[in-house]
N, C-alpha and C. Protein backbone atom coordinates (compact mmCIF):
# COMPACT_ATOMS: atom_id res chain seq x y z
N MET A 1 -58.93 32.03 181.94
CA MET A 1 -58.99 33.11 182.89
C MET A 1 -60.06 34.11 182.42
N HIS A 2 -60.84 34.60 183.35
CA HIS A 2 -61.87 35.56 183.01
C HIS A 2 -61.28 36.97 182.96
N GLU A 3 -62.01 37.87 182.34
CA GLU A 3 -61.51 39.23 182.14
C GLU A 3 -61.28 39.97 183.47
N LYS A 4 -62.18 39.78 184.44
CA LYS A 4 -62.00 40.46 185.73
C LYS A 4 -60.72 40.00 186.41
N GLU A 5 -60.46 38.69 186.33
CA GLU A 5 -59.25 38.15 186.94
C GLU A 5 -58.02 38.67 186.22
N LYS A 6 -58.06 38.69 184.89
CA LYS A 6 -56.94 39.21 184.10
C LYS A 6 -56.66 40.67 184.44
N ASP A 7 -57.73 41.45 184.53
CA ASP A 7 -57.56 42.87 184.83
C ASP A 7 -56.95 43.08 186.21
N LEU A 8 -57.38 42.29 187.19
CA LEU A 8 -56.84 42.42 188.55
C LEU A 8 -55.37 42.02 188.59
N ILE A 9 -55.02 40.92 187.93
CA ILE A 9 -53.62 40.47 187.89
C ILE A 9 -52.76 41.50 187.17
N ASP A 10 -53.24 42.02 186.04
CA ASP A 10 -52.48 43.03 185.30
C ASP A 10 -52.29 44.31 186.12
N ALA A 11 -53.32 44.70 186.86
CA ALA A 11 -53.20 45.89 187.73
C ALA A 11 -52.16 45.66 188.81
N PHE A 12 -52.10 44.44 189.34
CA PHE A 12 -51.09 44.12 190.35
C PHE A 12 -49.70 44.19 189.75
N LEU A 13 -49.53 43.65 188.54
CA LEU A 13 -48.21 43.66 187.90
C LEU A 13 -47.77 45.08 187.53
N ARG A 14 -48.72 45.97 187.24
CA ARG A 14 -48.39 47.36 186.94
C ARG A 14 -48.14 48.18 188.20
N GLY A 15 -48.47 47.62 189.36
CA GLY A 15 -48.25 48.33 190.62
C GLY A 15 -49.43 49.16 191.07
N GLN A 16 -50.57 49.00 190.45
CA GLN A 16 -51.75 49.78 190.82
C GLN A 16 -52.50 49.18 192.00
N VAL A 17 -52.27 47.88 192.27
CA VAL A 17 -52.92 47.18 193.37
C VAL A 17 -51.83 46.55 194.22
N ASP A 18 -51.96 46.67 195.55
CA ASP A 18 -50.97 46.02 196.42
C ASP A 18 -51.36 44.55 196.63
N ARG A 19 -50.49 43.81 197.35
CA ARG A 19 -50.74 42.38 197.57
C ARG A 19 -52.04 42.14 198.33
N ARG A 20 -52.30 42.98 199.31
CA ARG A 20 -53.52 42.82 200.10
C ARG A 20 -54.75 43.01 199.22
N GLY A 21 -54.72 44.00 198.36
CA GLY A 21 -55.83 44.23 197.44
C GLY A 21 -56.00 43.10 196.45
N LEU A 22 -54.88 42.52 196.02
CA LEU A 22 -54.94 41.39 195.10
C LEU A 22 -55.61 40.19 195.77
N ILE A 23 -55.18 39.87 196.99
CA ILE A 23 -55.75 38.72 197.69
C ILE A 23 -57.23 38.95 198.00
N LYS A 24 -57.59 40.18 198.40
CA LYS A 24 -59.00 40.49 198.67
C LYS A 24 -59.83 40.35 197.39
N GLY A 25 -59.31 40.87 196.30
CA GLY A 25 -60.05 40.81 195.04
C GLY A 25 -60.22 39.39 194.54
N LEU A 26 -59.16 38.60 194.62
CA LEU A 26 -59.26 37.21 194.17
C LEU A 26 -60.15 36.41 195.11
N GLY A 27 -60.10 36.72 196.41
CA GLY A 27 -60.98 36.05 197.36
C GLY A 27 -62.44 36.39 197.11
N ALA A 28 -62.70 37.63 196.74
CA ALA A 28 -64.07 38.04 196.44
C ALA A 28 -64.60 37.33 195.20
N MET A 29 -63.69 36.98 194.30
CA MET A 29 -64.09 36.24 193.10
C MET A 29 -64.20 34.74 193.37
N GLY A 30 -63.85 34.32 194.58
CA GLY A 30 -63.99 32.92 194.93
C GLY A 30 -62.82 32.05 194.51
N LEU A 31 -61.65 32.63 194.40
CA LEU A 31 -60.49 31.86 193.98
C LEU A 31 -59.66 31.46 195.19
N ALA A 32 -59.15 30.25 195.17
CA ALA A 32 -58.31 29.76 196.26
C ALA A 32 -56.89 30.28 196.10
N ALA A 33 -56.08 30.11 197.14
CA ALA A 33 -54.70 30.60 197.11
C ALA A 33 -53.88 29.92 196.03
N GLY A 34 -54.08 28.63 195.83
CA GLY A 34 -53.34 27.91 194.78
C GLY A 34 -53.68 28.42 193.39
N THR A 35 -54.94 28.69 193.18
CA THR A 35 -55.37 29.22 191.89
C THR A 35 -54.82 30.62 191.68
N ALA A 36 -54.77 31.40 192.74
CA ALA A 36 -54.24 32.77 192.64
C ALA A 36 -52.78 32.75 192.22
N GLY A 37 -52.00 31.81 192.77
CA GLY A 37 -50.60 31.70 192.37
C GLY A 37 -50.45 31.34 190.91
N THR A 38 -51.29 30.45 190.44
CA THR A 38 -51.24 30.06 189.03
C THR A 38 -51.61 31.23 188.13
N LEU A 39 -52.63 31.97 188.51
CA LEU A 39 -53.04 33.14 187.72
C LEU A 39 -51.96 34.20 187.69
N LEU A 40 -51.30 34.40 188.83
CA LEU A 40 -50.22 35.38 188.89
C LEU A 40 -49.07 34.96 188.00
N ASN A 41 -48.75 33.68 187.99
CA ASN A 41 -47.69 33.16 187.14
C ASN A 41 -48.04 33.35 185.67
N LEU A 42 -49.28 33.09 185.30
CA LEU A 42 -49.71 33.30 183.91
C LEU A 42 -49.62 34.77 183.52
N GLY A 43 -50.01 35.65 184.42
CA GLY A 43 -49.93 37.08 184.14
C GLY A 43 -48.50 37.54 183.96
N GLN A 44 -47.59 37.04 184.78
CA GLN A 44 -46.19 37.42 184.66
C GLN A 44 -45.60 36.89 183.37
N THR A 45 -45.98 35.69 182.97
CA THR A 45 -45.49 35.12 181.72
C THR A 45 -45.96 35.96 180.54
N ARG A 46 -47.23 36.38 180.57
CA ARG A 46 -47.74 37.24 179.49
C ARG A 46 -46.99 38.56 179.45
N ALA A 47 -46.68 39.11 180.62
CA ALA A 47 -45.98 40.40 180.67
C ALA A 47 -44.56 40.26 180.12
N LEU A 48 -43.89 39.18 180.42
CA LEU A 48 -42.53 38.97 179.90
C LEU A 48 -42.56 38.73 178.40
N ALA A 49 -43.54 37.98 177.92
CA ALA A 49 -43.62 37.69 176.50
C ALA A 49 -43.95 38.95 175.70
N ALA A 50 -44.67 39.88 176.28
CA ALA A 50 -45.05 41.10 175.57
C ALA A 50 -43.85 42.00 175.33
N ASP A 51 -42.81 41.90 176.17
CA ASP A 51 -41.65 42.77 176.04
C ASP A 51 -40.62 42.27 175.04
N PHE A 52 -40.75 41.06 174.54
CA PHE A 52 -39.75 40.49 173.66
C PHE A 52 -39.90 41.05 172.25
N ASP A 53 -38.81 41.51 171.66
CA ASP A 53 -38.81 42.07 170.31
C ASP A 53 -38.19 41.07 169.35
N TRP A 54 -39.02 40.46 168.51
CA TRP A 54 -38.53 39.45 167.56
C TRP A 54 -37.70 40.07 166.44
N GLN A 55 -37.83 41.33 166.19
CA GLN A 55 -37.13 41.99 165.10
C GLN A 55 -35.87 42.73 165.56
N ALA A 56 -35.44 42.55 166.78
CA ALA A 56 -34.32 43.30 167.33
C ALA A 56 -33.02 43.06 166.57
N HIS A 57 -32.81 41.87 166.08
CA HIS A 57 -31.55 41.54 165.41
C HIS A 57 -31.78 41.21 163.94
N LYS A 58 -32.77 41.81 163.34
CA LYS A 58 -33.09 41.55 161.95
C LYS A 58 -31.94 42.00 161.05
N GLY A 59 -31.56 41.15 160.11
CA GLY A 59 -30.50 41.47 159.17
C GLY A 59 -29.12 41.06 159.62
N LYS A 60 -28.97 40.61 160.84
CA LYS A 60 -27.66 40.17 161.33
C LYS A 60 -27.49 38.69 161.06
N THR A 61 -26.25 38.25 160.97
CA THR A 61 -25.98 36.84 160.74
C THR A 61 -25.66 36.16 162.06
N ILE A 62 -25.94 34.88 162.09
CA ILE A 62 -25.61 34.10 163.27
C ILE A 62 -24.68 32.97 162.85
N LYS A 63 -23.88 32.53 163.77
CA LYS A 63 -22.96 31.44 163.52
C LYS A 63 -23.45 30.25 164.33
N LEU A 64 -23.76 29.18 163.63
CA LEU A 64 -24.33 28.00 164.27
C LEU A 64 -23.25 26.94 164.40
N LEU A 65 -23.04 26.46 165.59
CA LEU A 65 -22.03 25.45 165.86
C LEU A 65 -22.74 24.14 166.17
N LEU A 66 -22.58 23.16 165.28
CA LEU A 66 -23.20 21.86 165.47
C LEU A 66 -22.10 20.83 165.67
N ASN A 67 -22.01 20.29 166.84
CA ASN A 67 -21.01 19.27 167.15
C ASN A 67 -21.65 17.90 167.10
N LYS A 68 -20.91 16.93 166.57
CA LYS A 68 -21.40 15.56 166.59
C LYS A 68 -21.10 14.97 167.96
N HIS A 69 -22.09 14.38 168.53
CA HIS A 69 -21.93 13.75 169.84
C HIS A 69 -21.74 12.26 169.62
N PRO A 70 -20.89 11.61 170.40
CA PRO A 70 -20.64 10.18 170.16
C PRO A 70 -21.87 9.30 170.34
N TYR A 71 -22.85 9.75 171.12
CA TYR A 71 -24.05 8.94 171.32
C TYR A 71 -25.08 9.15 170.22
N ALA A 72 -24.92 10.17 169.43
CA ALA A 72 -25.93 10.48 168.40
C ALA A 72 -25.65 9.75 167.11
């Protein structure tokens, strides 16, 4: 993904650009509707991954339950 496309998708996810502006901008860049959907999905995935805190439960213990399955 190019920087202009990333910036436009990120602006849409932040609410700075409406759907019509997103489609116009992606169309001006020469992207098809299928490609726009893929780019939007990638942008949303990046946004969700950025919010995850790997250290949220640091120092806590977990209980792991491993069951034997008859097929294994």
